[in-house]
């Protein structure tokens, strides 16, 4: 599993203000992922080559920033049926590791309309196939950093995705 450099930010003003403060100090190009870990906390994952410069930019800020070396990954699921509950999805995905949290993604500019994508933050115990199917419905496509590619026909691992 690849180690990822993550900042955990909690702000007394609220997570949205913390996120805005971090994003005001770094370039969006430096970000890998922004994940809402809880109602009060956002986690920012940065590209390896810029993590140290991001830390130095934020050292003098008023934000309570905690640096993490995190082995968890953000798993993106595409083509998830709207009627599939978060509990059922979490149950099935727990076959591959511990589910730490999740988000339903929405259409950009329309925050009340879901787009069929969900993101889960997980600590994986085994690789997840590129395509999974719950109960005979349509396939759900799975993508995450460091994922082994699987043949849809045979289910065998092909090679590692970069």
N, C-alpha and C. Protein backbone atom coordinates (compact mmCIF):
# COMPACT_ATOMS: atom_id res chain seq x y z
N UNK A 1 0.84 -1.18 0.00
CA UNK A 1 0.00 0.00 0.00
C UNK A 1 0.89 1.25 0.00
N UNK A 2 0.54 2.22 -0.75
CA UNK A 2 1.30 3.46 -0.88
C UNK A 2 0.93 4.41 0.26
N UNK A 3 1.94 5.06 0.87
CA UNK A 3 1.67 6.01 1.93
C UNK A 3 1.32 7.37 1.33
N UNK A 4 0.35 8.01 1.91
CA UNK A 4 -0.16 9.27 1.39
C UNK A 4 0.06 10.35 2.45
N UNK A 5 0.42 11.54 2.04
CA UNK A 5 0.64 12.64 2.96
C UNK A 5 -0.64 13.44 3.12
N UNK A 6 -1.16 13.46 4.34
CA UNK A 6 -2.46 14.06 4.60
C UNK A 6 -2.38 15.06 5.73
N UNK A 7 -3.13 16.16 5.59
CA UNK A 7 -3.32 17.13 6.67
C UNK A 7 -4.74 17.00 7.16
N UNK A 8 -4.91 16.95 8.46
CA UNK A 8 -6.24 16.95 9.05
C UNK A 8 -6.45 18.34 9.64
N UNK A 9 -7.53 19.00 9.24
CA UNK A 9 -7.79 20.37 9.66
C UNK A 9 -9.12 20.44 10.39
N UNK A 10 -9.07 20.98 11.61
CA UNK A 10 -10.28 21.21 12.39
C UNK A 10 -10.27 22.69 12.76
N UNK A 11 -11.39 23.34 12.59
CA UNK A 11 -11.44 24.78 12.82
C UNK A 11 -12.63 25.11 13.69
N UNK A 12 -12.43 25.97 14.67
CA UNK A 12 -13.53 26.36 15.56
C UNK A 12 -14.62 27.10 14.80
N UNK A 13 -14.28 27.72 13.69
CA UNK A 13 -15.28 28.41 12.87
C UNK A 13 -16.13 27.43 12.08
N UNK A 14 -15.59 26.23 11.87
CA UNK A 14 -16.29 25.22 11.08
C UNK A 14 -15.39 24.67 9.99
N UNK A 15 -15.69 23.48 9.49
CA UNK A 15 -14.82 22.86 8.51
C UNK A 15 -14.78 23.60 7.18
N UNK A 16 -15.87 24.23 6.79
CA UNK A 16 -15.87 24.95 5.52
C UNK A 16 -14.87 26.10 5.56
N UNK A 17 -14.83 26.84 6.69
CA UNK A 17 -13.88 27.94 6.83
C UNK A 17 -12.45 27.41 6.86
N UNK A 18 -12.24 26.26 7.53
CA UNK A 18 -10.91 25.66 7.56
C UNK A 18 -10.47 25.28 6.15
N UNK A 19 -11.37 24.68 5.41
CA UNK A 19 -11.07 24.28 4.03
C UNK A 19 -10.73 25.51 3.18
N UNK A 20 -11.51 26.56 3.31
CA UNK A 20 -11.26 27.78 2.55
C UNK A 20 -9.91 28.38 2.91
N UNK A 21 -9.53 28.33 4.21
CA UNK A 21 -8.24 28.86 4.64
C UNK A 21 -7.08 28.06 4.07
N UNK A 22 -7.20 26.73 4.06
CA UNK A 22 -6.15 25.90 3.49
C UNK A 22 -6.05 26.15 1.99
N UNK A 23 -7.19 26.16 1.30
CA UNK A 23 -7.17 26.34 -0.15
C UNK A 23 -6.68 27.72 -0.56
N UNK A 24 -6.80 28.70 0.32
CA UNK A 24 -6.28 30.04 0.03
C UNK A 24 -4.75 30.08 0.09
N UNK A 25 -4.16 29.11 0.80
CA UNK A 25 -2.71 29.11 1.00
C UNK A 25 -1.96 28.13 0.08
N UNK A 26 -2.68 27.26 -0.61
CA UNK A 26 -2.04 26.29 -1.49
C UNK A 26 -2.71 26.30 -2.85
N UNK A 27 -2.01 25.78 -3.83
CA UNK A 27 -2.56 25.67 -5.17
C UNK A 27 -3.42 24.41 -5.28
N UNK A 28 -4.50 24.51 -6.01
CA UNK A 28 -5.37 23.35 -6.23
C UNK A 28 -4.60 22.24 -6.94
N UNK A 29 -3.60 22.59 -7.75
CA UNK A 29 -2.78 21.60 -8.45
C UNK A 29 -1.99 20.71 -7.49
N UNK A 30 -1.80 21.18 -6.24
CA UNK A 30 -1.04 20.41 -5.25
C UNK A 30 -1.89 19.35 -4.56
N UNK A 31 -3.22 19.43 -4.74
CA UNK A 31 -4.13 18.53 -4.03
C UNK A 31 -4.38 17.23 -4.79
N UNK A 32 -4.44 16.12 -4.04
CA UNK A 32 -4.90 14.84 -4.56
C UNK A 32 -6.38 14.69 -4.25
N UNK A 33 -6.77 15.05 -3.00
CA UNK A 33 -8.13 14.76 -2.54
C UNK A 33 -8.47 15.65 -1.35
N UNK A 34 -9.74 16.03 -1.24
CA UNK A 34 -10.27 16.66 -0.04
C UNK A 34 -11.40 15.76 0.43
N UNK A 35 -11.33 15.34 1.70
CA UNK A 35 -12.30 14.38 2.22
C UNK A 35 -12.89 14.92 3.52
N UNK A 36 -14.22 14.92 3.61
CA UNK A 36 -14.91 15.36 4.82
C UNK A 36 -14.93 14.17 5.79
N UNK A 37 -14.01 14.17 6.76
CA UNK A 37 -13.85 13.04 7.68
C UNK A 37 -14.96 13.00 8.72
N UNK A 38 -15.45 14.15 9.12
CA UNK A 38 -16.54 14.25 10.08
C UNK A 38 -17.16 15.63 9.90
N UNK A 39 -18.25 15.93 10.60
CA UNK A 39 -18.83 17.28 10.44
C UNK A 39 -17.87 18.42 10.79
N UNK A 40 -16.85 18.14 11.63
CA UNK A 40 -15.94 19.21 12.06
C UNK A 40 -14.57 19.16 11.39
N UNK A 41 -14.27 18.09 10.66
CA UNK A 41 -12.90 17.87 10.20
C UNK A 41 -12.85 17.56 8.70
N UNK A 42 -11.93 18.24 8.01
CA UNK A 42 -11.61 17.92 6.62
C UNK A 42 -10.20 17.35 6.58
N UNK A 43 -9.97 16.41 5.68
CA UNK A 43 -8.63 15.89 5.46
C UNK A 43 -8.21 16.25 4.03
N UNK A 44 -7.03 16.85 3.90
CA UNK A 44 -6.48 17.26 2.62
C UNK A 44 -5.31 16.34 2.31
N UNK A 45 -5.35 15.65 1.18
CA UNK A 45 -4.26 14.79 0.78
C UNK A 45 -3.54 15.46 -0.39
N UNK A 46 -2.22 15.60 -0.23
CA UNK A 46 -1.41 16.32 -1.19
C UNK A 46 -0.49 15.38 -1.96
N UNK A 47 -0.09 15.83 -3.13
CA UNK A 47 0.88 15.09 -3.92
C UNK A 47 2.20 15.05 -3.15
N UNK A 48 2.89 13.95 -3.25
CA UNK A 48 4.11 13.71 -2.48
C UNK A 48 5.14 14.83 -2.62
N UNK A 49 5.38 15.28 -3.83
CA UNK A 49 6.46 16.22 -4.08
C UNK A 49 6.18 17.63 -3.55
N UNK A 50 4.98 17.92 -3.10
CA UNK A 50 4.67 19.27 -2.61
C UNK A 50 4.29 19.30 -1.14
N UNK A 51 4.24 18.13 -0.49
CA UNK A 51 3.74 18.08 0.88
C UNK A 51 4.55 18.95 1.84
N UNK A 52 5.89 18.92 1.75
CA UNK A 52 6.73 19.72 2.66
C UNK A 52 6.52 21.21 2.46
N UNK A 53 6.37 21.64 1.22
CA UNK A 53 6.15 23.07 0.98
C UNK A 53 4.77 23.50 1.49
N UNK A 54 3.80 22.62 1.40
CA UNK A 54 2.46 22.92 1.94
C UNK A 54 2.54 23.09 3.45
N UNK A 55 3.26 22.19 4.12
CA UNK A 55 3.42 22.28 5.57
C UNK A 55 4.06 23.61 5.95
N UNK A 56 5.12 24.01 5.25
CA UNK A 56 5.79 25.28 5.59
C UNK A 56 4.88 26.47 5.34
N UNK A 57 4.03 26.41 4.31
CA UNK A 57 3.09 27.51 4.05
C UNK A 57 2.06 27.64 5.16
N UNK A 58 1.69 26.53 5.78
CA UNK A 58 0.64 26.54 6.78
C UNK A 58 1.15 26.66 8.22
N UNK A 59 2.49 26.56 8.42
CA UNK A 59 3.04 26.60 9.77
C UNK A 59 2.70 27.88 10.52
N UNK A 60 2.73 29.01 9.84
CA UNK A 60 2.49 30.29 10.49
C UNK A 60 1.03 30.70 10.50
N UNK A 61 0.15 29.82 10.05
CA UNK A 61 -1.27 30.17 10.02
C UNK A 61 -1.90 29.90 11.39
N UNK A 62 -3.09 30.40 11.57
CA UNK A 62 -3.84 30.22 12.81
C UNK A 62 -4.60 28.90 12.85
N UNK A 63 -4.51 28.12 11.78
CA UNK A 63 -5.28 26.88 11.70
C UNK A 63 -4.67 25.77 12.56
N UNK A 64 -5.52 25.03 13.28
CA UNK A 64 -5.02 23.84 13.98
C UNK A 64 -4.86 22.71 12.96
N UNK A 65 -3.64 22.51 12.50
CA UNK A 65 -3.36 21.54 11.45
C UNK A 65 -2.59 20.38 12.06
N UNK A 66 -3.02 19.17 11.73
CA UNK A 66 -2.35 17.96 12.20
C UNK A 66 -1.85 17.21 10.97
N UNK A 67 -0.57 16.89 10.95
CA UNK A 67 0.01 16.16 9.83
C UNK A 67 -0.14 14.67 10.08
N UNK A 68 -0.55 13.94 9.06
CA UNK A 68 -0.75 12.50 9.18
C UNK A 68 0.04 11.78 8.11
N UNK A 69 0.51 10.61 8.42
CA UNK A 69 0.95 9.69 7.39
C UNK A 69 -0.09 8.59 7.44
N UNK A 70 -0.85 8.50 6.39
CA UNK A 70 -2.07 7.72 6.39
C UNK A 70 -1.98 6.61 5.36
N UNK A 71 -2.35 5.41 5.74
CA UNK A 71 -2.34 4.29 4.81
C UNK A 71 -3.71 4.05 4.19
N UNK A 72 -4.67 4.89 4.54
CA UNK A 72 -6.00 4.72 3.96
C UNK A 72 -6.04 5.28 2.54
N UNK A 73 -7.02 4.82 1.77
CA UNK A 73 -7.20 5.29 0.40
C UNK A 73 -8.64 5.76 0.22
N UNK A 74 -8.83 6.66 -0.73
CA UNK A 74 -10.17 7.09 -1.09
C UNK A 74 -10.59 6.27 -2.31
N UNK A 75 -11.64 5.50 -2.14
CA UNK A 75 -12.15 4.61 -3.18
C UNK A 75 -13.34 5.29 -3.83
N UNK A 76 -13.30 5.47 -5.14
CA UNK A 76 -14.41 6.06 -5.88
C UNK A 76 -15.20 4.95 -6.55
N UNK A 77 -16.51 4.97 -6.32
CA UNK A 77 -17.43 4.00 -6.90
C UNK A 77 -18.31 4.74 -7.90
N UNK A 78 -18.36 4.24 -9.12
CA UNK A 78 -19.11 4.89 -10.19
C UNK A 78 -20.24 3.97 -10.64
N UNK A 79 -21.39 4.56 -10.95
CA UNK A 79 -22.56 3.82 -11.43
C UNK A 79 -23.30 3.14 -10.27
N UNK A 80 -23.27 3.78 -9.10
CA UNK A 80 -23.94 3.22 -7.92
C UNK A 80 -25.42 3.57 -7.99
N UNK A 81 -26.31 2.57 -7.91
CA UNK A 81 -27.74 2.88 -7.93
C UNK A 81 -28.13 3.77 -6.74
N UNK A 82 -28.96 4.76 -7.00
CA UNK A 82 -29.38 5.69 -5.95
C UNK A 82 -30.05 4.96 -4.79
N UNK A 83 -30.79 3.92 -5.10
CA UNK A 83 -31.54 3.20 -4.07
C UNK A 83 -30.66 2.31 -3.18
N UNK A 84 -29.38 2.13 -3.53
CA UNK A 84 -28.47 1.35 -2.71
C UNK A 84 -28.08 2.19 -1.50
N UNK A 85 -28.51 1.75 -0.32
CA UNK A 85 -28.28 2.55 0.89
C UNK A 85 -26.81 2.56 1.28
N UNK A 86 -26.44 3.57 2.06
CA UNK A 86 -25.06 3.68 2.53
C UNK A 86 -24.70 2.48 3.40
N UNK A 87 -25.64 2.00 4.20
CA UNK A 87 -25.39 0.85 5.08
C UNK A 87 -25.08 -0.42 4.30
N UNK A 88 -25.84 -0.68 3.24
CA UNK A 88 -25.61 -1.87 2.41
C UNK A 88 -24.27 -1.74 1.69
N UNK A 89 -23.98 -0.56 1.16
CA UNK A 89 -22.71 -0.34 0.47
C UNK A 89 -21.54 -0.54 1.44
N UNK A 90 -21.64 0.03 2.63
CA UNK A 90 -20.58 -0.12 3.64
C UNK A 90 -20.39 -1.58 4.02
N UNK A 91 -21.50 -2.31 4.18
CA UNK A 91 -21.42 -3.72 4.53
C UNK A 91 -20.65 -4.49 3.45
N UNK A 92 -21.00 -4.31 2.19
CA UNK A 92 -20.34 -5.03 1.11
C UNK A 92 -18.87 -4.62 0.96
N UNK A 93 -18.59 -3.33 1.10
CA UNK A 93 -17.22 -2.87 0.93
C UNK A 93 -16.33 -3.27 2.11
N UNK A 94 -16.93 -3.57 3.27
CA UNK A 94 -16.14 -4.00 4.43
C UNK A 94 -15.51 -5.38 4.18
N UNK A 95 -15.91 -6.07 3.13
CA UNK A 95 -15.25 -7.32 2.75
C UNK A 95 -13.81 -7.07 2.31
N UNK A 96 -13.50 -5.83 1.91
CA UNK A 96 -12.18 -5.48 1.40
C UNK A 96 -11.35 -4.68 2.40
N UNK A 97 -11.92 -4.33 3.55
CA UNK A 97 -11.20 -3.58 4.56
C UNK A 97 -12.15 -2.75 5.40
N UNK A 98 -11.59 -1.91 6.24
CA UNK A 98 -12.37 -1.08 7.15
C UNK A 98 -12.83 0.19 6.44
N UNK A 99 -14.13 0.45 6.46
CA UNK A 99 -14.68 1.67 5.87
C UNK A 99 -14.65 2.75 6.95
N UNK A 100 -13.91 3.83 6.69
CA UNK A 100 -13.74 4.91 7.67
C UNK A 100 -14.76 6.03 7.51
N UNK A 101 -15.34 6.15 6.33
CA UNK A 101 -16.32 7.21 6.08
C UNK A 101 -16.67 7.22 4.61
N UNK A 102 -17.67 8.03 4.27
CA UNK A 102 -18.07 8.08 2.88
C UNK A 102 -18.89 9.30 2.54
N UNK A 103 -18.94 9.59 1.26
CA UNK A 103 -19.70 10.73 0.73
C UNK A 103 -20.42 10.31 -0.55
N UNK A 104 -21.64 10.84 -0.72
CA UNK A 104 -22.33 10.75 -2.01
C UNK A 104 -21.95 12.01 -2.78
N UNK A 105 -21.55 11.85 -4.01
CA UNK A 105 -21.16 13.01 -4.82
C UNK A 105 -22.38 13.55 -5.56
N UNK A 106 -22.35 14.85 -5.80
CA UNK A 106 -23.49 15.51 -6.44
C UNK A 106 -23.05 16.14 -7.76
N UNK A 107 -24.03 16.51 -8.54
CA UNK A 107 -23.77 17.23 -9.79
C UNK A 107 -23.22 18.60 -9.44
N UNK A 108 -22.16 19.00 -10.12
CA UNK A 108 -21.53 20.29 -9.83
C UNK A 108 -22.54 21.42 -10.02
N UNK A 109 -22.65 22.27 -9.02
CA UNK A 109 -23.56 23.41 -9.07
C UNK A 109 -24.98 23.07 -8.62
N UNK A 110 -25.27 21.79 -8.41
CA UNK A 110 -26.60 21.37 -7.94
C UNK A 110 -26.39 20.41 -6.76
N UNK A 111 -26.13 20.93 -5.57
CA UNK A 111 -25.74 20.08 -4.45
C UNK A 111 -26.83 19.15 -3.91
N UNK A 112 -28.05 19.24 -4.43
CA UNK A 112 -29.11 18.36 -3.95
C UNK A 112 -29.38 17.19 -4.89
N UNK A 113 -28.68 17.13 -6.03
CA UNK A 113 -28.90 16.07 -7.01
C UNK A 113 -27.65 15.18 -7.07
N UNK A 114 -27.80 13.92 -6.70
CA UNK A 114 -26.68 12.97 -6.69
C UNK A 114 -26.36 12.49 -8.10
N UNK A 115 -25.07 12.18 -8.35
CA UNK A 115 -24.65 11.81 -9.70
C UNK A 115 -24.31 10.33 -9.88
N UNK A 116 -24.58 9.49 -8.89
CA UNK A 116 -24.30 8.07 -9.02
C UNK A 116 -22.88 7.68 -8.63
N UNK A 117 -22.11 8.64 -8.12
CA UNK A 117 -20.75 8.35 -7.65
C UNK A 117 -20.71 8.48 -6.14
N UNK A 118 -19.94 7.61 -5.51
CA UNK A 118 -19.72 7.71 -4.06
C UNK A 118 -18.24 7.51 -3.80
N UNK A 119 -17.78 8.15 -2.74
CA UNK A 119 -16.40 7.98 -2.32
C UNK A 119 -16.39 7.44 -0.90
N UNK A 120 -15.55 6.44 -0.69
CA UNK A 120 -15.37 5.86 0.63
C UNK A 120 -13.91 5.98 1.01
N UNK A 121 -13.64 6.35 2.24
CA UNK A 121 -12.28 6.31 2.75
C UNK A 121 -12.13 4.98 3.45
N UNK A 122 -11.12 4.20 3.03
CA UNK A 122 -10.97 2.84 3.54
C UNK A 122 -9.52 2.52 3.89
N UNK A 123 -9.36 1.61 4.84
CA UNK A 123 -8.07 0.97 5.08
C UNK A 123 -8.22 -0.44 4.52
N UNK A 124 -7.61 -0.68 3.39
CA UNK A 124 -7.80 -1.92 2.67
C UNK A 124 -7.02 -3.07 3.30
N UNK A 125 -7.66 -4.24 3.33
CA UNK A 125 -6.98 -5.47 3.73
C UNK A 125 -6.73 -6.35 2.52
N UNK A 126 -7.47 -6.12 1.43
CA UNK A 126 -7.22 -6.81 0.17
C UNK A 126 -7.69 -5.92 -0.98
N UNK A 127 -7.18 -6.21 -2.16
CA UNK A 127 -7.50 -5.41 -3.34
C UNK A 127 -8.97 -5.56 -3.72
N UNK A 128 -9.55 -4.48 -4.23
CA UNK A 128 -10.93 -4.48 -4.69
C UNK A 128 -10.91 -4.64 -6.21
N UNK A 129 -11.74 -5.53 -6.76
CA UNK A 129 -11.79 -5.65 -8.23
C UNK A 129 -12.23 -4.34 -8.88
N UNK A 130 -11.91 -4.18 -10.15
CA UNK A 130 -12.26 -2.96 -10.89
C UNK A 130 -13.77 -2.81 -11.06
N UNK A 131 -14.49 -3.93 -11.01
CA UNK A 131 -15.93 -3.93 -11.18
C UNK A 131 -16.53 -4.90 -10.17
N UNK A 132 -17.56 -4.44 -9.44
CA UNK A 132 -18.24 -5.30 -8.49
C UNK A 132 -19.74 -5.22 -8.76
N UNK A 133 -20.45 -6.21 -8.29
CA UNK A 133 -21.88 -6.28 -8.55
C UNK A 133 -22.59 -6.73 -7.27
N UNK A 134 -23.55 -5.97 -6.81
CA UNK A 134 -24.31 -6.32 -5.62
C UNK A 134 -25.69 -6.80 -6.06
N UNK A 135 -25.98 -8.07 -5.86
CA UNK A 135 -27.33 -8.58 -6.10
C UNK A 135 -27.77 -8.66 -7.53
N UNK A 136 -26.86 -8.80 -8.48
CA UNK A 136 -27.24 -9.00 -9.87
C UNK A 136 -27.63 -7.76 -10.64
N UNK A 137 -27.47 -6.58 -10.06
CA UNK A 137 -27.78 -5.34 -10.77
C UNK A 137 -26.65 -4.96 -11.72
N UNK A 138 -26.65 -3.69 -12.12
CA UNK A 138 -25.61 -3.22 -13.03
C UNK A 138 -24.25 -3.19 -12.31
N UNK A 139 -23.15 -3.32 -13.05
CA UNK A 139 -21.83 -3.31 -12.41
C UNK A 139 -21.49 -1.93 -11.85
N UNK A 140 -20.81 -1.93 -10.74
CA UNK A 140 -20.30 -0.71 -10.12
C UNK A 140 -18.80 -0.69 -10.37
N UNK A 141 -18.31 0.40 -10.98
CA UNK A 141 -16.90 0.51 -11.30
C UNK A 141 -16.16 1.11 -10.12
N UNK A 142 -15.00 0.56 -9.82
CA UNK A 142 -14.22 0.92 -8.64
C UNK A 142 -12.87 1.47 -9.09
N UNK A 143 -12.44 2.57 -8.45
CA UNK A 143 -11.18 3.19 -8.80
C UNK A 143 -10.53 3.75 -7.55
N UNK A 144 -9.25 3.48 -7.37
CA UNK A 144 -8.48 4.09 -6.28
C UNK A 144 -6.99 4.01 -6.62
N UNK A 145 -6.22 4.88 -5.99
CA UNK A 145 -4.79 4.95 -6.25
C UNK A 145 -4.12 3.66 -5.76
N UNK A 146 -3.27 3.07 -6.60
CA UNK A 146 -2.56 1.85 -6.24
C UNK A 146 -3.36 0.58 -6.50
N UNK A 147 -4.47 0.71 -7.20
CA UNK A 147 -5.35 -0.42 -7.47
C UNK A 147 -4.73 -1.39 -8.48
N UNK A 148 -4.89 -2.68 -8.20
CA UNK A 148 -4.55 -3.68 -9.21
C UNK A 148 -5.69 -3.71 -10.20
N UNK A 149 -5.36 -3.82 -11.49
CA UNK A 149 -6.40 -3.94 -12.51
C UNK A 149 -6.84 -5.40 -12.59
N UNK A 150 -8.13 -5.62 -12.71
CA UNK A 150 -8.68 -6.95 -12.79
C UNK A 150 -9.36 -7.13 -14.14
N UNK A 151 -9.26 -8.33 -14.68
CA UNK A 151 -9.99 -8.67 -15.89
C UNK A 151 -11.46 -8.81 -15.53
N UNK A 152 -12.34 -8.12 -16.28
CA UNK A 152 -13.77 -8.20 -16.02
C UNK A 152 -14.28 -9.61 -16.32
N UNK A 153 -13.69 -10.25 -17.32
CA UNK A 153 -14.13 -11.60 -17.69
C UNK A 153 -13.69 -12.66 -16.69
N UNK A 154 -12.39 -12.67 -16.34
CA UNK A 154 -11.88 -13.76 -15.50
C UNK A 154 -11.80 -13.40 -14.03
N UNK A 155 -11.76 -12.09 -13.71
CA UNK A 155 -11.63 -11.67 -12.32
C UNK A 155 -10.20 -11.74 -11.81
N UNK A 156 -9.23 -12.05 -12.69
CA UNK A 156 -7.84 -12.16 -12.28
C UNK A 156 -7.14 -10.82 -12.34
N UNK A 157 -6.16 -10.64 -11.45
CA UNK A 157 -5.35 -9.42 -11.42
C UNK A 157 -4.45 -9.36 -12.64
N UNK A 158 -4.37 -8.17 -13.26
CA UNK A 158 -3.54 -7.99 -14.46
C UNK A 158 -2.24 -7.27 -14.12
N UNK A 159 -2.32 -6.06 -13.60
CA UNK A 159 -1.15 -5.28 -13.22
C UNK A 159 -1.61 -4.09 -12.38
N UNK A 160 -0.67 -3.40 -11.77
CA UNK A 160 -0.98 -2.29 -10.88
C UNK A 160 -1.18 -1.00 -11.65
N UNK A 161 -2.23 -0.27 -11.28
CA UNK A 161 -2.52 1.03 -11.86
C UNK A 161 -1.64 2.07 -11.18
N UNK A 162 -1.10 3.03 -11.91
CA UNK A 162 -0.24 4.05 -11.34
C UNK A 162 -1.05 5.21 -10.87
